N, C-alpha and C. Protein backbone atom coordinates (compact mmCIF):
# COMPACT_ATOMS: atom_id res chain seq x y z
N UNK A 1 3.70 1.65 -3.25
CA UNK A 1 3.78 0.50 -4.13
C UNK A 1 4.43 -0.65 -3.53
N UNK A 2 3.86 -1.82 -3.67
CA UNK A 2 4.55 -2.97 -3.12
C UNK A 2 4.45 -4.18 -4.14
N UNK A 3 5.39 -4.82 -4.57
CA UNK A 3 5.40 -6.04 -5.33
C UNK A 3 6.16 -7.25 -4.67
N UNK A 4 5.33 -8.21 -4.32
CA UNK A 4 5.91 -9.29 -3.69
C UNK A 4 6.77 -9.08 -2.43
N UNK A 5 6.21 -8.36 -1.53
CA UNK A 5 6.86 -7.89 -0.42
C UNK A 5 6.42 -8.39 0.92
N UNK A 6 5.84 -9.63 0.85
CA UNK A 6 5.36 -10.32 1.96
C UNK A 6 6.33 -10.50 3.06
N UNK A 7 7.56 -10.62 2.79
CA UNK A 7 8.64 -10.85 3.91
C UNK A 7 8.89 -9.51 4.54
N UNK A 8 8.50 -8.38 4.17
CA UNK A 8 8.89 -7.13 4.73
C UNK A 8 7.66 -6.09 5.00
N UNK A 9 6.52 -6.31 4.35
CA UNK A 9 5.52 -5.36 4.42
C UNK A 9 4.99 -4.99 5.85
N UNK A 10 4.85 -5.98 6.65
CA UNK A 10 4.35 -5.81 7.96
C UNK A 10 5.36 -4.98 8.79
N UNK A 11 6.72 -5.15 8.70
CA UNK A 11 7.64 -4.40 9.42
C UNK A 11 7.55 -2.98 8.93
N UNK A 12 7.53 -2.68 7.71
CA UNK A 12 7.47 -1.31 7.10
C UNK A 12 6.24 -0.70 7.63
N UNK A 13 5.16 -1.20 7.69
CA UNK A 13 3.89 -0.64 8.09
C UNK A 13 4.02 -0.30 9.60
N UNK A 14 4.45 -1.20 10.47
CA UNK A 14 4.72 -0.95 11.89
C UNK A 14 5.78 0.16 12.12
N UNK A 15 6.82 0.16 11.32
CA UNK A 15 7.74 1.31 11.34
C UNK A 15 7.14 2.68 11.10
N UNK A 16 6.39 2.63 10.00
CA UNK A 16 5.54 3.96 9.68
C UNK A 16 4.72 4.43 10.87
N UNK A 17 3.95 3.43 11.34
CA UNK A 17 3.05 3.86 12.47
C UNK A 17 3.85 4.36 13.81
N UNK A 18 4.98 3.70 13.96
CA UNK A 18 5.75 4.15 15.07
C UNK A 18 6.36 5.49 14.94
N UNK A 19 6.68 5.87 13.69
CA UNK A 19 7.36 7.08 13.42
C UNK A 19 6.38 8.34 13.24
N UNK A 20 5.27 7.96 12.50
CA UNK A 20 4.31 9.09 12.23
C UNK A 20 3.02 8.81 12.99
N UNK A 21 2.59 9.78 13.68
CA UNK A 21 1.29 9.80 14.50
C UNK A 21 0.07 9.88 13.52
N UNK A 22 -0.92 9.12 13.86
CA UNK A 22 -2.26 9.31 13.34
C UNK A 22 -2.26 9.38 11.78
N UNK A 23 -1.73 8.40 11.12
CA UNK A 23 -1.79 8.33 9.70
C UNK A 23 -2.53 7.10 9.19
N UNK A 24 -3.02 7.25 7.99
CA UNK A 24 -3.56 6.11 7.28
C UNK A 24 -2.48 5.75 6.36
N UNK A 25 -2.30 4.39 6.14
CA UNK A 25 -1.26 3.87 5.30
C UNK A 25 -1.95 3.11 4.07
N UNK A 26 -1.57 3.55 2.84
CA UNK A 26 -2.16 2.90 1.76
C UNK A 26 -1.01 2.12 1.03
N UNK A 27 -1.25 0.83 0.78
CA UNK A 27 -0.39 -0.02 0.03
C UNK A 27 -1.06 -0.36 -1.33
N UNK A 28 -0.33 -0.11 -2.31
CA UNK A 28 -0.83 -0.60 -3.62
C UNK A 28 -0.08 -1.79 -4.00
N UNK A 29 -0.77 -2.95 -3.96
CA UNK A 29 -0.18 -4.21 -4.23
C UNK A 29 -0.15 -4.29 -5.65
N UNK A 30 0.96 -4.21 -6.30
CA UNK A 30 1.13 -4.12 -7.77
C UNK A 30 1.26 -5.37 -8.43
N UNK A 31 0.29 -6.21 -8.48
CA UNK A 31 0.40 -7.52 -9.14
C UNK A 31 1.09 -8.50 -8.34
N UNK A 32 1.08 -8.37 -7.03
CA UNK A 32 1.90 -9.30 -6.15
C UNK A 32 1.23 -10.64 -6.26
N UNK A 33 2.06 -11.69 -6.27
CA UNK A 33 1.58 -13.06 -6.34
C UNK A 33 1.73 -13.73 -4.99
N UNK A 34 2.23 -13.00 -3.96
CA UNK A 34 2.41 -13.61 -2.65
C UNK A 34 1.30 -13.03 -1.80
N UNK A 35 1.63 -13.07 -0.44
CA UNK A 35 0.62 -12.60 0.53
C UNK A 35 0.76 -11.08 0.98
N UNK A 36 1.33 -10.35 0.07
CA UNK A 36 1.53 -8.95 0.42
C UNK A 36 0.30 -8.26 0.77
N UNK A 37 -0.73 -8.30 -0.03
CA UNK A 37 -2.04 -7.59 0.12
C UNK A 37 -2.66 -8.00 1.64
N UNK A 38 -2.80 -9.37 1.70
CA UNK A 38 -3.46 -9.77 2.99
C UNK A 38 -2.74 -9.47 4.21
N UNK A 39 -1.37 -9.62 4.19
CA UNK A 39 -0.60 -9.15 5.35
C UNK A 39 -0.67 -7.74 5.60
N UNK A 40 -0.66 -6.84 4.60
CA UNK A 40 -0.74 -5.43 4.71
C UNK A 40 -2.12 -5.06 5.35
N UNK A 41 -3.25 -5.63 4.93
CA UNK A 41 -4.46 -5.44 5.54
C UNK A 41 -4.49 -5.88 6.98
N UNK A 42 -3.95 -7.06 7.31
CA UNK A 42 -3.93 -7.54 8.72
C UNK A 42 -3.09 -6.59 9.60
N UNK A 43 -2.12 -5.89 8.95
CA UNK A 43 -1.26 -4.91 9.75
C UNK A 43 -1.98 -3.58 9.87
N UNK A 44 -3.15 -3.44 9.23
CA UNK A 44 -3.99 -2.19 9.36
C UNK A 44 -3.92 -1.19 8.21
N UNK A 45 -3.27 -1.56 7.17
CA UNK A 45 -3.26 -0.76 5.95
C UNK A 45 -4.41 -0.85 5.09
N UNK A 46 -4.65 0.26 4.36
CA UNK A 46 -5.69 0.24 3.33
C UNK A 46 -4.91 -0.40 2.12
N UNK A 47 -5.55 -1.24 1.38
CA UNK A 47 -4.90 -1.95 0.38
C UNK A 47 -5.63 -1.81 -0.97
N UNK A 48 -5.01 -1.35 -1.93
CA UNK A 48 -5.58 -1.41 -3.27
C UNK A 48 -4.75 -2.54 -4.04
N UNK A 49 -5.49 -3.41 -4.66
CA UNK A 49 -4.76 -4.52 -5.46
C UNK A 49 -4.94 -4.26 -6.90
N UNK A 50 -3.78 -4.19 -7.52
CA UNK A 50 -3.72 -4.04 -8.94
C UNK A 50 -3.47 -5.51 -9.52
N UNK A 51 -4.28 -5.95 -10.37
CA UNK A 51 -4.16 -7.38 -10.80
C UNK A 51 -2.81 -7.69 -11.62
N UNK A 52 -2.41 -6.79 -12.45
CA UNK A 52 -1.19 -6.99 -13.36
C UNK A 52 -0.10 -5.97 -12.89
N UNK A 53 1.04 -6.49 -12.78
CA UNK A 53 2.16 -5.53 -12.45
C UNK A 53 2.32 -4.36 -13.34
N UNK A 54 2.25 -3.05 -12.87
CA UNK A 54 2.36 -1.86 -13.69
C UNK A 54 3.66 -1.24 -13.54
N UNK A 55 4.38 -1.68 -12.59
CA UNK A 55 5.64 -0.88 -12.17
C UNK A 55 5.46 0.09 -11.13
N UNK A 56 6.49 0.73 -10.70
CA UNK A 56 6.37 1.85 -9.64
C UNK A 56 5.51 2.84 -10.11
N UNK A 57 5.75 3.41 -11.38
CA UNK A 57 4.93 4.55 -11.80
C UNK A 57 3.47 4.31 -11.93
N UNK A 58 3.23 3.16 -12.41
CA UNK A 58 1.77 2.78 -12.58
C UNK A 58 1.03 2.56 -11.26
N UNK A 59 1.80 1.94 -10.30
CA UNK A 59 1.24 1.74 -8.89
C UNK A 59 1.13 3.02 -8.19
N UNK A 60 1.99 3.94 -8.38
CA UNK A 60 1.90 5.33 -7.70
C UNK A 60 0.64 6.04 -8.31
N UNK A 61 0.43 5.98 -9.59
CA UNK A 61 -0.67 6.54 -10.22
C UNK A 61 -2.01 6.07 -9.59
N UNK A 62 -2.05 4.67 -9.40
CA UNK A 62 -3.17 4.06 -8.93
C UNK A 62 -3.46 4.56 -7.39
N UNK A 63 -2.42 4.64 -6.68
CA UNK A 63 -2.59 5.26 -5.31
C UNK A 63 -3.05 6.64 -5.19
N UNK A 64 -2.51 7.46 -6.23
CA UNK A 64 -2.96 8.86 -6.32
C UNK A 64 -4.40 8.99 -6.71
N UNK A 65 -4.84 8.07 -7.67
CA UNK A 65 -6.29 7.95 -8.12
C UNK A 65 -7.20 7.65 -6.98
N UNK A 66 -6.79 6.70 -6.10
CA UNK A 66 -7.47 6.16 -5.03
C UNK A 66 -7.58 7.29 -3.98
N UNK A 67 -6.47 8.04 -3.73
CA UNK A 67 -6.54 9.13 -2.77
C UNK A 67 -7.49 10.35 -3.24
N UNK A 68 -7.43 10.67 -4.61
CA UNK A 68 -8.32 11.70 -5.05
C UNK A 68 -9.73 11.29 -5.01
N UNK A 69 -10.07 10.02 -5.22
CA UNK A 69 -11.47 9.57 -5.25
C UNK A 69 -12.02 9.40 -3.72
N UNK A 70 -11.11 9.35 -2.81
CA UNK A 70 -11.50 9.16 -1.36
C UNK A 70 -11.29 10.55 -0.65
N UNK A 71 -10.97 11.68 -1.29
CA UNK A 71 -10.93 12.90 -0.63
C UNK A 71 -9.60 13.18 0.22
N UNK A 72 -8.58 12.49 -0.01
CA UNK A 72 -7.31 12.63 0.66
C UNK A 72 -6.86 14.03 0.34
N UNK A 73 -6.45 14.73 1.35
CA UNK A 73 -6.06 16.10 1.26
C UNK A 73 -4.42 16.07 1.09
N UNK A 74 -3.76 15.18 1.62
CA UNK A 74 -2.34 15.11 1.59
C UNK A 74 -1.86 13.65 1.30
N UNK A 75 -0.91 13.66 0.43
CA UNK A 75 -0.18 12.39 0.09
C UNK A 75 1.22 12.33 0.10
């Protein structure tokens, strides 16, 4: 989950890719009003945008729903 993390989201995605081989990264932009979603997409992440901020728990649930709907085996 990410809320208004435009300043750091690209670095986080790059660090994950450098640390973990061959992974898909899902970012749930939890009502962000900044460029979090677009920057995460540009950095190669899959992005789910939630219109209204739901908090960490709600954003995690949205990510799990997305994963289940797309056949993700491990999260």
